[in-house]
PDB file of N, CA and C in Angstrom:
ATOM      1  N   MET A   1       0.557  -9.165  24.904  1.00  0.00           N
ATOM      2  CA  MET A   1       0.511  -8.889  26.333  1.00  0.00           C
ATOM      3  C   MET A   1       1.144  -7.532  26.628  1.00  0.00           C
ATOM      4  N   ALA A   2       2.230  -7.233  25.921  1.00  0.00           N
ATOM      5  CA  ALA A   2       2.900  -5.953  26.153  1.00  0.00           C
ATOM      6  C   ALA A   2       1.962  -4.795  25.825  1.00  0.00           C
ATOM      7  N   ALA A   3       1.210  -4.928  24.744  1.00  0.00           N
ATOM      8  CA  ALA A   3       0.275  -3.866  24.361  1.00  0.00           C
ATOM      9  C   ALA A   3      -0.821  -3.714  25.408  1.00  0.00           C
ATOM     10  N   ALA A   4      -1.287  -4.814  25.969  1.00  0.00           N
ATOM     11  CA  ALA A   4      -2.333  -4.746  26.991  1.00  0.00           C
ATOM     12  C   ALA A   4      -1.819  -4.032  28.243  1.00  0.00           C
ATOM     13  N   VAL A   5      -0.610  -4.351  28.649  1.00  0.00           N
ATOM     14  CA  VAL A   5      -0.027  -3.690  29.816  1.00  0.00           C
ATOM     15  C   VAL A   5       0.193  -2.210  29.525  1.00  0.00           C
ATOM     16  N   LEU A   6       0.685  -1.903  28.336  1.00  0.00           N
ATOM     17  CA  LEU A   6       0.910  -0.516  27.953  1.00  0.00           C
ATOM     18  C   LEU A   6      -0.413   0.263  27.925  1.00  0.00           C
ATOM     19  N   CYS A   7      -1.459  -0.352  27.406  1.00  0.00           N
ATOM     20  CA  CYS A   7      -2.781   0.292  27.378  1.00  0.00           C
ATOM     21  C   CYS A   7      -3.281   0.546  28.796  1.00  0.00           C
ATOM     22  N   LEU A   8      -3.038  -0.396  29.689  1.00  0.00           N
ATOM     23  CA  LEU A   8      -3.466  -0.241  31.074  1.00  0.00           C
ATOM     24  C   LEU A   8      -2.774   0.947  31.728  1.00  0.00           C
ATOM     25  N   VAL A   9      -1.482   1.091  31.478  1.00  0.00           N
ATOM     26  CA  VAL A   9      -0.728   2.206  32.052  1.00  0.00           C
ATOM     27  C   VAL A   9      -1.161   3.534  31.419  1.00  0.00           C
ATOM     28  N   VAL A  10      -1.288   3.553  30.102  1.00  0.00           N
ATOM     29  CA  VAL A  10      -1.649   4.785  29.398  1.00  0.00           C
ATOM     30  C   VAL A  10      -3.080   5.204  29.733  1.00  0.00           C
ATOM     31  N   ARG A  11      -3.973   4.240  29.957  1.00  0.00           N
ATOM     32  CA  ARG A  11      -5.378   4.551  30.240  1.00  0.00           C
ATOM     33  C   ARG A  11      -5.520   5.425  31.486  1.00  0.00           C
ATOM     34  N   ARG A  12      -4.627   5.239  32.452  1.00  0.00           N
ATOM     35  CA  ARG A  12      -4.691   6.056  33.671  1.00  0.00           C
ATOM     36  C   ARG A  12      -4.331   7.512  33.383  1.00  0.00           C
ATOM     37  N   LEU A  13      -3.416   7.716  32.426  1.00  0.00           N
ATOM     38  CA  LEU A  13      -2.964   9.070  32.119  1.00  0.00           C
ATOM     39  C   LEU A  13      -3.827   9.741  31.054  1.00  0.00           C
ATOM     40  N   ALA A  14      -4.143   8.994  30.000  1.00  0.00           N
ATOM     41  CA  ALA A  14      -4.920   9.551  28.885  1.00  0.00           C
ATOM     42  C   ALA A  14      -5.795   8.446  28.280  1.00  0.00           C
ATOM     43  N   PRO A  15      -7.049   8.357  28.736  1.00  0.00           N
ATOM     44  CA  PRO A  15      -7.934   7.283  28.264  1.00  0.00           C
ATOM     45  C   PRO A  15      -8.113   7.250  26.743  1.00  0.00           C
ATOM     46  N   GLU A  16      -8.152   8.421  26.089  1.00  0.00           N
ATOM     47  CA  GLU A  16      -8.340   8.454  24.637  1.00  0.00           C
ATOM     48  C   GLU A  16      -7.134   7.844  23.927  1.00  0.00           C
ATOM     49  N   ALA A  17      -5.952   8.146  24.424  1.00  0.00           N
ATOM     50  CA  ALA A  17      -4.733   7.614  23.814  1.00  0.00           C
ATOM     51  C   ALA A  17      -4.662   6.099  23.983  1.00  0.00           C
ATOM     52  N   ALA A  18      -5.193   5.588  25.075  1.00  0.00           N
ATOM     53  CA  ALA A  18      -5.187   4.135  25.291  1.00  0.00           C
ATOM     54  C   ALA A  18      -6.063   3.433  24.253  1.00  0.00           C
ATOM     55  N   GLY A  19      -7.185   4.058  23.906  1.00  0.00           N
ATOM     56  CA  GLY A  19      -8.045   3.474  22.870  1.00  0.00           C
ATOM     57  C   GLY A  19      -7.367   3.433  21.523  1.00  0.00           C
ATOM     58  N   VAL A  20      -6.695   4.513  21.174  1.00  0.00           N
ATOM     59  CA  VAL A  20      -5.960   4.563  19.905  1.00  0.00           C
ATOM     60  C   VAL A  20      -4.833   3.537  19.911  1.00  0.00           C
ATOM     61  N   LEU A  21      -4.149   3.421  21.035  1.00  0.00           N
ATOM     62  CA  LEU A  21      -3.070   2.444  21.164  1.00  0.00           C
ATOM     63  C   LEU A  21      -3.595   1.023  20.999  1.00  0.00           C
ATOM     64  N   ALA A  22      -4.765   0.744  21.553  1.00  0.00           N
ATOM     65  CA  ALA A  22      -5.368  -0.587  21.425  1.00  0.00           C
ATOM     66  C   ALA A  22      -5.709  -0.888  19.965  1.00  0.00           C
ATOM     67  N   VAL A  23      -6.214   0.104  19.245  1.00  0.00           N
ATOM     68  CA  VAL A  23      -6.541  -0.090  17.820  1.00  0.00           C
ATOM     69  C   VAL A  23      -5.276  -0.368  17.017  1.00  0.00           C
ATOM     70  N   ILE A  24      -4.230   0.390  17.290  1.00  0.00           N
ATOM     71  CA  ILE A  24      -2.963   0.188  16.571  1.00  0.00           C
ATOM     72  C   ILE A  24      -2.386  -1.188  16.879  1.00  0.00           C
ATOM     73  N   ALA A  25      -2.410  -1.586  18.139  1.00  0.00           N
ATOM     74  CA  ALA A  25      -1.891  -2.907  18.521  1.00  0.00           C
ATOM     75  C   ALA A  25      -2.700  -4.019  17.854  1.00  0.00           C
ATOM     76  N   GLY A  26      -4.025  -3.841  17.793  1.00  0.00           N
ATOM     77  CA  GLY A  26      -4.865  -4.830  17.113  1.00  0.00           C
ATOM     78  C   GLY A  26      -4.535  -4.928  15.640  1.00  0.00           C
ATOM     79  N   GLY A  27      -4.289  -3.796  14.998  1.00  0.00           N
ATOM     80  CA  GLY A  27      -3.907  -3.798  13.581  1.00  0.00           C
ATOM     81  C   GLY A  27      -2.588  -4.508  13.347  1.00  0.00           C
ATOM     82  N   ILE A  28      -1.624  -4.271  14.223  1.00  0.00           N
ATOM     83  CA  ILE A  28      -0.327  -4.943  14.093  1.00  0.00           C
ATOM     84  C   ILE A  28      -0.485  -6.452  14.265  1.00  0.00           C
ATOM     85  N   LEU A  29      -1.288  -6.861  15.232  1.00  0.00           N
ATOM     86  CA  LEU A  29      -1.534  -8.295  15.433  1.00  0.00           C
ATOM     87  C   LEU A  29      -2.223  -8.913  14.219  1.00  0.00           C
ATOM     88  N   LEU A  30      -3.176  -8.196  13.656  1.00  0.00           N
ATOM     89  CA  LEU A  30      -3.895  -8.696  12.486  1.00  0.00           C
ATOM     90  C   LEU A  30      -2.962  -8.857  11.302  1.00  0.00           C
ATOM     91  N   MET A  31      -2.096  -7.884  11.072  1.00  0.00           N
ATOM     92  CA  MET A  31      -1.145  -7.975   9.957  1.00  0.00           C
ATOM     93  C   MET A  31      -0.210  -9.171  10.138  1.00  0.00           C
ATOM     94  N   GLY A  32       0.210  -9.417  11.358  1.00  0.00           N
ATOM     95  CA  GLY A  32       1.053 -10.575  11.630  1.00  0.00           C
ATOM     96  C   GLY A  32       0.321 -11.887  11.386  1.00  0.00           C
ATOM     97  N   ALA A  33      -0.957 -11.926  11.723  1.00  0.00           N
ATOM     98  CA  ALA A  33      -1.743 -13.139  11.517  1.00  0.00           C
ATOM     99  C   ALA A  33      -2.003 -13.392  10.042  1.00  0.00           C
ATOM    100  N   LEU A  34      -2.152 -12.336   9.252  1.00  0.00           N
ATOM    101  CA  LEU A  34      -2.407 -12.504   7.821  1.00  0.00           C
ATOM    102  C   LEU A  34      -1.245 -13.191   7.118  1.00  0.00           C
ATOM    103  N   GLU A  35      -0.040 -12.949   7.580  1.00  0.00           N
ATOM    104  CA  GLU A  35       1.121 -13.603   6.978  1.00  0.00           C
ATOM    105  C   GLU A  35       1.063 -15.117   7.172  1.00  0.00           C
ATOM    106  N   SER A  36       0.606 -15.560   8.333  1.00  0.00           N
ATOM    107  CA  SER A  36       0.550 -16.994   8.592  1.00  0.00           C
ATOM    108  C   SER A  36      -0.595 -17.677   7.844  1.00  0.00           C
ATOM    109  N   VAL A  37      -1.595 -16.917   7.421  1.00  0.00           N
ATOM    110  CA  VAL A  37      -2.756 -17.480   6.740  1.00  0.00           C
ATOM    111  C   VAL A  37      -2.549 -17.546   5.224  1.00  0.00           C
ATOM    112  N   SER A  38      -1.525 -16.884   4.714  1.00  0.00           N
ATOM    113  CA  SER A  38      -1.346 -16.778   3.269  1.00  0.00           C
ATOM    114  C   SER A  38      -1.210 -18.137   2.579  1.00  0.00           C
ATOM    115  N   GLY A  39      -0.622 -19.108   3.214  1.00  0.00           N
ATOM    116  CA  GLY A  39      -0.479 -20.432   2.607  1.00  0.00           C
ATOM    117  C   GLY A  39      -1.718 -21.290   2.715  1.00  0.00           C
ATOM    118  N   LEU A  40      -2.717 -20.831   3.397  1.00  0.00           N
ATOM    119  CA  LEU A  40      -3.925 -21.611   3.613  1.00  0.00           C
ATOM    120  C   LEU A  40      -4.732 -21.819   2.335  1.00  0.00           C
ATOM    121  N   GLN A  41      -4.704 -20.857   1.420  1.00  0.00           N
ATOM    122  CA  GLN A  41      -5.496 -20.958   0.193  1.00  0.00           C
ATOM    123  C   GLN A  41      -5.077 -22.160  -0.646  1.00  0.00           C
ATOM    124  N   SER A  42      -3.783 -22.376  -0.800  1.00  0.00           N
ATOM    125  CA  SER A  42      -3.337 -23.519  -1.604  1.00  0.00           C
ATOM    126  C   SER A  42      -3.720 -24.837  -0.932  1.00  0.00           C
ATOM    127  N   LEU A  43      -3.667 -24.884   0.370  1.00  0.00           N
ATOM    128  CA  LEU A  43      -4.072 -26.093   1.089  1.00  0.00           C
ATOM    129  C   LEU A  43      -5.555 -26.363   0.889  1.00  0.00           C
ATOM    130  N   LEU A  44      -6.373 -25.329   0.976  1.00  0.00           N
ATOM    131  CA  LEU A  44      -7.806 -25.503   0.781  1.00  0.00           C
ATOM    132  C   LEU A  44      -8.139 -25.887  -0.658  1.00  0.00           C
ATOM    133  N   ASP A  45      -7.396 -25.365  -1.624  1.00  0.00           N
ATOM    134  CA  ASP A  45      -7.600 -25.756  -3.017  1.00  0.00           C
ATOM    135  C   ASP A  45      -7.313 -27.240  -3.204  1.00  0.00           C
ATOM    136  N   ARG A  46      -6.253 -27.718  -2.578  1.00  0.00           N
ATOM    137  CA  ARG A  46      -5.925 -29.153  -2.665  1.00  0.00           C
ATOM    138  C   ARG A  46      -7.011 -30.001  -2.025  1.00  0.00           C
ATOM    139  N   LEU A  47      -7.513 -29.564  -0.867  1.00  0.00           N
ATOM    140  CA  LEU A  47      -8.584 -30.306  -0.202  1.00  0.00           C
ATOM    141  C   LEU A  47      -9.853 -30.320  -1.047  1.00  0.00           C
ATOM    142  N   ALA A  48     -10.159 -29.198  -1.685  1.00  0.00           N
ATOM    143  CA  ALA A  48     -11.340 -29.132  -2.546  1.00  0.00           C
ATOM    144  C   ALA A  48     -11.195 -30.077  -3.731  1.00  0.00           C
ATOM    145  N   ALA A  49     -10.001 -30.136  -4.301  1.00  0.00           N
ATOM    146  CA  ALA A  49      -9.770 -31.027  -5.438  1.00  0.00           C
ATOM    147  C   ALA A  49      -9.897 -32.485  -5.005  1.00  0.00           C
ATOM    148  N   LEU A  50      -9.365 -32.822  -3.848  1.00  0.00           N
ATOM    149  CA  LEU A  50      -9.465 -34.194  -3.356  1.00  0.00           C
ATOM    150  C   LEU A  50     -10.897 -34.596  -3.039  1.00  0.00           C
ATOM    151  N   GLY A  51     -11.661 -33.652  -2.499  1.00  0.00           N
ATOM    152  CA  GLY A  51     -13.034 -33.949  -2.117  1.00  0.00           C
ATOM    153  C   GLY A  51     -14.043 -33.723  -3.224  1.00  0.00           C
ATOM    154  N   GLY A  52     -13.605 -33.202  -4.359  1.00  0.00           N
ATOM    155  CA  GLY A  52     -14.516 -32.944  -5.460  1.00  0.00           C
ATOM    156  C   GLY A  52     -15.458 -31.775  -5.187  1.00  0.00           C
ATOM    157  N   LEU A  53     -15.018 -30.824  -4.371  1.00  0.00           N
ATOM    158  CA  LEU A  53     -15.854 -29.669  -4.042  1.00  0.00           C
ATOM    159  C   LEU A  53     -15.703 -28.570  -5.088  1.00  0.00           C
ATOM    160  N   ASN A  54     -16.732 -27.777  -5.248  1.00  0.00           N
ATOM    161  CA  ASN A  54     -16.706 -26.642  -6.153  1.00  0.00           C
ATOM    162  C   ASN A  54     -15.826 -25.547  -5.531  1.00  0.00           C
ATOM    163  N   LYS A  55     -14.831 -25.091  -6.274  1.00  0.00           N
ATOM    164  CA  LYS A  55     -13.923 -24.072  -5.744  1.00  0.00           C
ATOM    165  C   LYS A  55     -14.624 -22.747  -5.489  1.00  0.00           C
ATOM    166  N   GLU A  56     -15.691 -22.478  -6.215  1.00  0.00           N
ATOM    167  CA  GLU A  56     -16.444 -21.242  -5.983  1.00  0.00           C
ATOM    168  C   GLU A  56     -17.068 -21.244  -4.595  1.00  0.00           C
ATOM    169  N   TYR A  57     -17.600 -22.391  -4.191  1.00  0.00           N
ATOM    170  CA  TYR A  57     -18.190 -22.485  -2.862  1.00  0.00           C
ATOM    171  C   TYR A  57     -17.128 -22.315  -1.786  1.00  0.00           C
ATOM    172  N   LEU A  58     -15.991 -22.906  -1.999  1.00  0.00           N
ATOM    173  CA  LEU A  58     -14.898 -22.779  -1.042  1.00  0.00           C
ATOM    174  C   LEU A  58     -14.442 -21.323  -0.956  1.00  0.00           C
ATOM    175  N   SER A  59     -14.395 -20.652  -2.080  1.00  0.00           N
ATOM    176  CA  SER A  59     -14.022 -19.244  -2.102  1.00  0.00           C
ATOM    177  C   SER A  59     -15.048 -18.402  -1.338  1.00  0.00           C
ATOM    178  N   LEU A  60     -16.322 -18.703  -1.535  1.00  0.00           N
ATOM    179  CA  LEU A  60     -17.375 -17.987  -0.804  1.00  0.00           C
ATOM    180  C   LEU A  60     -17.246 -18.206   0.694  1.00  0.00           C
ATOM    181  N   LEU A  61     -16.985 -19.443   1.070  1.00  0.00           N
ATOM    182  CA  LEU A  61     -16.844 -19.737   2.494  1.00  0.00           C
ATOM    183  C   LEU A  61     -15.640 -19.018   3.103  1.00  0.00           C
ATOM    184  N   MET A  62     -14.555 -18.917   2.339  1.00  0.00           N
ATOM    185  CA  MET A  62     -13.376 -18.193   2.837  1.00  0.00           C
ATOM    186  C   MET A  62     -13.684 -16.699   2.977  1.00  0.00           C
ATOM    187  N   LYS A  63     -14.451 -16.148   2.035  1.00  0.00           N
ATOM    188  CA  LYS A  63     -14.840 -14.739   2.140  1.00  0.00           C
ATOM    189  C   LYS A  63     -15.684 -14.507   3.383  1.00  0.00           C
ATOM    190  N   VAL A  64     -16.621 -15.401   3.637  1.00  0.00           N
ATOM    191  CA  VAL A  64     -17.484 -15.263   4.803  1.00  0.00           C
ATOM    192  C   VAL A  64     -16.663 -15.394   6.090  1.00  0.00           C
ATOM    193  N   LEU A  65     -15.707 -16.294   6.102  1.00  0.00           N
ATOM    194  CA  LEU A  65     -14.852 -16.445   7.277  1.00  0.00           C
ATOM    195  C   LEU A  65     -14.049 -15.169   7.515  1.00  0.00           C
ATOM    196  N   GLY A  66     -13.492 -14.607   6.456  1.00  0.00           N
ATOM    197  CA  GLY A  66     -12.750 -13.353   6.574  1.00  0.00           C
ATOM    198  C   GLY A  66     -13.637 -12.215   7.043  1.00  0.00           C
ATOM    199  N   MET A  67     -14.847 -12.142   6.496  1.00  0.00           N
ATOM    200  CA  MET A  67     -15.793 -11.100   6.908  1.00  0.00           C
ATOM    201  C   MET A  67     -16.172 -11.272   8.378  1.00  0.00           C
ATOM    202  N   SER A  68     -16.303 -12.520   8.793  1.00  0.00           N
ATOM    203  CA  SER A  68     -16.650 -12.792  10.186  1.00  0.00           C
ATOM    204  C   SER A  68     -15.565 -12.285  11.132  1.00  0.00           C
ATOM    205  N   TYR A  69     -14.321 -12.594  10.807  1.00  0.00           N
ATOM    206  CA  TYR A  69     -13.217 -12.131  11.657  1.00  0.00           C
ATOM    207  C   TYR A  69     -13.095 -10.614  11.632  1.00  0.00           C
ATOM    208  N   ALA A  70     -13.241 -10.015  10.458  1.00  0.00           N
ATOM    209  CA  ALA A  70     -13.128  -8.558  10.347  1.00  0.00           C
ATOM    210  C   ALA A  70     -14.254  -7.871  11.117  1.00  0.00           C
ATOM    211  N   THR A  71     -15.460  -8.398  11.013  1.00  0.00           N
ATOM    212  CA  THR A  71     -16.599  -7.835  11.730  1.00  0.00           C
ATOM    213  C   THR A  71     -16.403  -7.951  13.233  1.00  0.00           C
ATOM    214  N   ASP A  72     -15.947  -9.115  13.663  1.00  0.00           N
ATOM    215  CA  ASP A  72     -15.720  -9.321  15.092  1.00  0.00           C
ATOM    216  C   ASP A  72     -14.644  -8.377  15.612  1.00  0.00           C
ATOM    217  N   LEU A  73     -13.565  -8.219  14.855  1.00  0.00           N
ATOM    218  CA  LEU A  73     -12.495  -7.314  15.257  1.00  0.00           C
ATOM    219  C   LEU A  73     -13.004  -5.875  15.333  1.00  0.00           C
ATOM    220  N   ALA A  74     -13.780  -5.458  14.340  1.00  0.00           N
ATOM    221  CA  ALA A  74     -14.319  -4.093  14.338  1.00  0.00           C
ATOM    222  C   ALA A  74     -15.275  -3.883  15.508  1.00  0.00           C
ATOM    223  N   ALA A  75     -16.134  -4.861  15.766  1.00  0.00           N
ATOM    224  CA  ALA A  75     -17.089  -4.734  16.874  1.00  0.00           C
ATOM    225  C   ALA A  75     -16.363  -4.696  18.216  1.00  0.00           C
ATOM    226  N   GLN A  76     -15.358  -5.526  18.391  1.00  0.00           N
ATOM    227  CA  GLN A  76     -14.607  -5.516  19.646  1.00  0.00           C
ATOM    228  C   GLN A  76     -13.835  -4.220  19.822  1.00  0.00           C
ATOM    229  N   THR A  77     -13.329  -3.674  18.731  1.00  0.00           N
ATOM    230  CA  THR A  77     -12.626  -2.394  18.804  1.00  0.00           C
ATOM    231  C   THR A  77     -13.585  -1.287  19.219  1.00  0.00           C
ATOM    232  N   CYS A  78     -14.785  -1.283  18.637  1.00  0.00           N
ATOM    233  CA  CYS A  78     -15.795  -0.293  19.028  1.00  0.00           C
ATOM    234  C   CYS A  78     -16.137  -0.435  20.504  1.00  0.00           C
ATOM    235  N   GLU A  79     -16.266  -1.665  20.952  1.00  0.00           N
ATOM    236  CA  GLU A  79     -16.592  -1.900  22.350  1.00  0.00           C
ATOM    237  C   GLU A  79     -15.456  -1.451  23.268  1.00  0.00           C
ATOM    238  N   ASP A  80     -14.217  -1.700  22.845  1.00  0.00           N
ATOM    239  CA  ASP A  80     -13.064  -1.251  23.628  1.00  0.00           C
ATOM    240  C   ASP A  80     -13.022   0.263  23.748  1.00  0.00           C
ATOM    241  N   LEU A  81     -13.514   0.939  22.724  1.00  0.00           N
ATOM    242  CA  LEU A  81     -13.531   2.397  22.735  1.00  0.00           C
ATOM    243  C   LEU A  81     -14.767   2.956  23.434  1.00  0.00           C
ATOM    244  N   GLY A  82     -15.574   2.063  24.015  1.00  0.00           N
ATOM    245  CA  GLY A  82     -16.738   2.504  24.782  1.00  0.00           C
ATOM    246  C   GLY A  82     -17.996   2.700  23.968  1.00  0.00           C
ATOM    247  N   GLU A  83     -18.002   2.257  22.728  1.00  0.00           N
ATOM    248  CA  GLU A  83     -19.163   2.424  21.843  1.00  0.00           C
ATOM    249  C   GLU A  83     -19.891   1.092  21.685  1.00  0.00           C
ATOM    250  N   LYS A  84     -20.584   0.662  22.728  1.00  0.00           N
ATOM    251  CA  LYS A  84     -21.260  -0.643  22.697  1.00  0.00           C
ATOM    252  C   LYS A  84     -22.403  -0.671  21.689  1.00  0.00           C
ATOM    253  N   GLY A  85     -23.133   0.425  21.581  1.00  0.00           N
ATOM    254  CA  GLY A  85     -24.225   0.485  20.599  1.00  0.00           C
ATOM    255  C   GLY A  85     -23.703   0.359  19.178  1.00  0.00           C
ATOM    256  N   LEU A  86     -22.616   1.041  18.885  1.00  0.00           N
ATOM    257  CA  LEU A  86     -22.004   0.952  17.562  1.00  0.00           C
ATOM    258  C   LEU A  86     -21.461  -0.455  17.314  1.00  0.00           C
ATOM    259  N   ALA A  87     -20.921  -1.080  18.352  1.00  0.00           N
ATOM    260  CA  ALA A  87     -20.402  -2.446  18.212  1.00  0.00           C
ATOM    261  C   ALA A  87     -21.517  -3.404  17.807  1.00  0.00           C
ATOM    262  N   LEU A  88     -22.699  -3.253  18.398  1.00  0.00           N
ATOM    263  CA  LEU A  88     -23.836  -4.106  18.032  1.00  0.00           C
ATOM    264  C   LEU A  88     -24.255  -3.874  16.588  1.00  0.00           C
ATOM    265  N   LYS A  89     -24.245  -2.624  16.163  1.00  0.00           N
ATOM    266  CA  LYS A  89     -24.630  -2.312  14.784  1.00  0.00           C
ATOM    267  C   LYS A  89     -23.614  -2.844  13.787  1.00  0.00           C
ATOM    268  N   VAL A  90     -22.337  -2.762  14.122  1.00  0.00           N
ATOM    269  CA  VAL A  90     -21.286  -3.313  13.253  1.00  0.00           C
ATOM    270  C   VAL A  90     -21.479  -4.819  13.109  1.00  0.00           C
ATOM    271  N   GLY A  91     -21.772  -5.488  14.213  1.00  0.00           N
ATOM    272  CA  GLY A  91     -22.018  -6.933  14.160  1.00  0.00           C
ATOM    273  C   GLY A  91     -23.213  -7.286  13.306  1.00  0.00           C
ATOM    274  N   MET A  92     -24.289  -6.506  13.421  1.00  0.00           N
ATOM    275  CA  MET A  92     -25.494  -6.775  12.639  1.00  0.00           C
ATOM    276  C   MET A  92     -25.247  -6.558  11.152  1.00  0.00           C
ATOM    277  N   VAL A  93     -24.594  -5.473  10.804  1.00  0.00           N
ATOM    278  CA  VAL A  93     -24.302  -5.198   9.390  1.00  0.00           C
ATOM    279  C   VAL A  93     -23.367  -6.265   8.832  1.00  0.00           C
ATOM    280  N   GLY A  94     -22.409  -6.703   9.623  1.00  0.00           N
ATOM    281  CA  GLY A  94     -21.513  -7.773   9.183  1.00  0.00           C
ATOM    282  C   GLY A  94     -22.275  -9.054   8.870  1.00  0.00           C
ATOM    283  N   LYS A  95     -23.239  -9.386   9.705  1.00  0.00           N
ATOM    284  CA  LYS A  95     -24.052 -10.594   9.472  1.00  0.00           C
ATOM    285  C   LYS A  95     -24.877 -10.462   8.198  1.00  0.00           C
ATOM    286  N   TRP A  96     -25.430  -9.262   7.968  1.00  0.00           N
ATOM    287  CA  TRP A  96     -26.197  -9.042   6.730  1.00  0.00           C
ATOM    288  C   TRP A  96     -25.299  -9.187   5.514  1.00  0.00           C
ATOM    289  N   CYS A  97     -24.113  -8.639   5.592  1.00  0.00           N
ATOM    290  CA  CYS A  97     -23.175  -8.737   4.465  1.00  0.00           C
ATOM    291  C   CYS A  97     -22.773 -10.187   4.211  1.00  0.00           C
ATOM    292  N   MET A  98     -22.537 -10.927   5.285  1.00  0.00           N
ATOM    293  CA  MET A  98     -22.178 -12.344   5.122  1.00  0.00           C
ATOM    294  C   MET A  98     -23.319 -13.124   4.481  1.00  0.00           C
ATOM    295  N   PHE A  99     -24.546 -12.836   4.887  1.00  0.00           N
ATOM    296  CA  PHE A  99     -25.687 -13.519   4.270  1.00  0.00           C
ATOM    297  C   PHE A  99     -25.787 -13.165   2.794  1.00  0.00           C
ATOM    298  N   GLY A 100     -25.523 -11.914   2.457  1.00  0.00           N
ATOM    299  CA  GLY A 100     -25.556 -11.503   1.056  1.00  0.00           C
ATOM    300  C   GLY A 100     -24.523 -12.238   0.215  1.00  0.00           C
ATOM    301  N   VAL A 101     -23.380 -12.526   0.795  1.00  0.00           N
ATOM    302  CA  VAL A 101     -22.337 -13.238   0.063  1.00  0.00           C
ATOM    303  C   VAL A 101     -22.694 -14.715  -0.096  1.00  0.00           C
ATOM    304  N   ILE A 102     -23.280 -15.298   0.929  1.00  0.00           N
ATOM    305  CA  ILE A 102     -23.529 -16.741   0.897  1.00  0.00           C
ATOM    306  C   ILE A 102     -24.895 -17.102   0.305  1.00  0.00           C
ATOM    307  N   ALA A 103     -25.767 -16.119   0.081  1.00  0.00           N
ATOM    308  CA  ALA A 103     -27.108 -16.387  -0.445  1.00  0.00           C
ATOM    309  C   ALA A 103     -27.094 -17.145  -1.777  1.00  0.00           C
ATOM    310  N   PRO A 104     -26.224 -16.808  -2.744  1.00  0.00           N
ATOM    311  CA  PRO A 104     -26.226 -17.593  -3.992  1.00  0.00           C
ATOM    312  C   PRO A 104     -25.917 -19.077  -3.768  1.00  0.00           C
ATOM    313  N   MET A 105     -25.037 -19.375  -2.829  1.00  0.00           N
ATOM    314  CA  MET A 105     -24.714 -20.768  -2.540  1.00  0.00           C
ATOM    315  C   MET A 105     -25.914 -21.466  -1.913  1.00  0.00           C
ATOM    316  N   LEU A 106     -26.630 -20.781  -1.045  1.00  0.00           N
ATOM    317  CA  LEU A 106     -27.823 -21.354  -0.439  1.00  0.00           C
ATOM    318  C   LEU A 106     -28.902 -21.602  -1.490  1.00  0.00           C
ATOM    319  N   LEU A 107     -29.021 -20.695  -2.453  1.00  0.00           N
ATOM    320  CA  LEU A 107     -29.991 -20.865  -3.535  1.00  0.00           C
ATOM    321  C   LEU A 107     -29.636 -22.088  -4.382  1.00  0.00           C
ATOM    322  N   ASP A 108     -28.354 -22.264  -4.710  1.00  0.00           N
ATOM    323  CA  ASP A 108     -27.922 -23.446  -5.464  1.00  0.00           C
ATOM    324  C   ASP A 108     -28.209 -24.728  -4.692  1.00  0.00           C
ATOM    325  N   LEU A 109     -27.975 -24.700  -3.392  1.00  0.00           N
ATOM    326  CA  LEU A 109     -28.242 -25.869  -2.557  1.00  0.00           C
ATOM    327  C   LEU A 109     -29.726 -26.197  -2.539  1.00  0.00           C
ATOM    328  N   LEU A 110     -30.562 -25.184  -2.427  1.00  0.00           N
ATOM    329  CA  LEU A 110     -32.001 -25.401  -2.440  1.00  0.00           C
ATOM    330  C   LEU A 110     -32.466 -25.952  -3.778  1.00  0.00           C
ATOM    331  N   GLU A 111     -31.932 -25.433  -4.879  1.00  0.00           N
ATOM    332  CA  GLU A 111     -32.279 -25.958  -6.205  1.00  0.00           C
ATOM    333  C   GLU A 111     -31.842 -27.406  -6.359  1.00  0.00           C
ATOM    334  N   MET A 112     -30.681 -27.756  -5.792  1.00  0.00           N
ATOM    335  CA  MET A 112     -30.214 -29.131  -5.872  1.00  0.00           C
ATOM    336  C   MET A 112     -31.141 -30.057  -5.065  1.00  0.00           C
ATOM    337  N   ILE A 113     -31.595 -29.607  -3.891  1.00  0.00           N
ATOM    338  CA  ILE A 113     -32.493 -30.416  -3.074  1.00  0.00           C
ATOM    339  C   ILE A 113     -33.832 -30.592  -3.762  1.00  0.00           C
ATOM    340  N   VAL A 114     -34.346 -29.515  -4.348  1.00  0.00           N
ATOM    341  CA  VAL A 114     -35.626 -29.593  -5.068  1.00  0.00           C
ATOM    342  C   VAL A 114     -35.489 -30.536  -6.259  1.00  0.00           C
ATOM    343  N   GLY A 115     -34.336 -30.536  -6.918  1.00  0.00           N
ATOM    344  CA  GLY A 115     -34.103 -31.429  -8.059  1.00  0.00           C
ATOM    345  C   GLY A 115     -34.047 -32.897  -7.665  1.00  0.00           C
ATOM    346  N   LEU A 116     -33.699 -33.186  -6.418  1.00  0.00           N
ATOM    347  CA  LEU A 116     -33.626 -34.573  -5.952  1.00  0.00           C
ATOM    348  C   LEU A 116     -34.984 -35.129  -5.564  1.00  0.00           C
ATOM    349  N   VAL A 117     -35.911 -34.241  -5.216  1.00  0.00           N
ATOM    350  CA  VAL A 117     -37.243 -34.684  -4.792  1.00  0.00           C
ATOM    351  C   VAL A 117     -38.050 -35.056  -6.023  1.00  0.00           C
ATOM    352  N   PRO A 118     -38.631 -36.277  -6.015  1.00  0.00           N
ATOM    353  CA  PRO A 118     -39.394 -36.708  -7.206  1.00  0.00           C
ATOM    354  C   PRO A 118     -40.700 -35.999  -7.386  1.00  0.00           C
TER     355      PRO A 118
END
């Protein structure tokens, strides 16, 4: 909230500086959030072991989740800086990258379904 108020005040004096300030504040918030997520991997590994899930699939899903958040953050930052067209392109490229990461898992799933059909 403090960063938002500071950006509002700075935007009146120097709009460019407010955009840079917003990016820096977003980075600081992201770094703080990463610390709280660090213990999540061991919890997910335990859940995968209990459920009999393939750890590779869980790893892929975590990568896609991370890419999703990073893409969203980048697109929102572009939009905050007044670059709506660039924000849309960042979102589209992020979706393509996520599909590229998850495509092998989808292929394995399709092969498993085809193997079940008599």
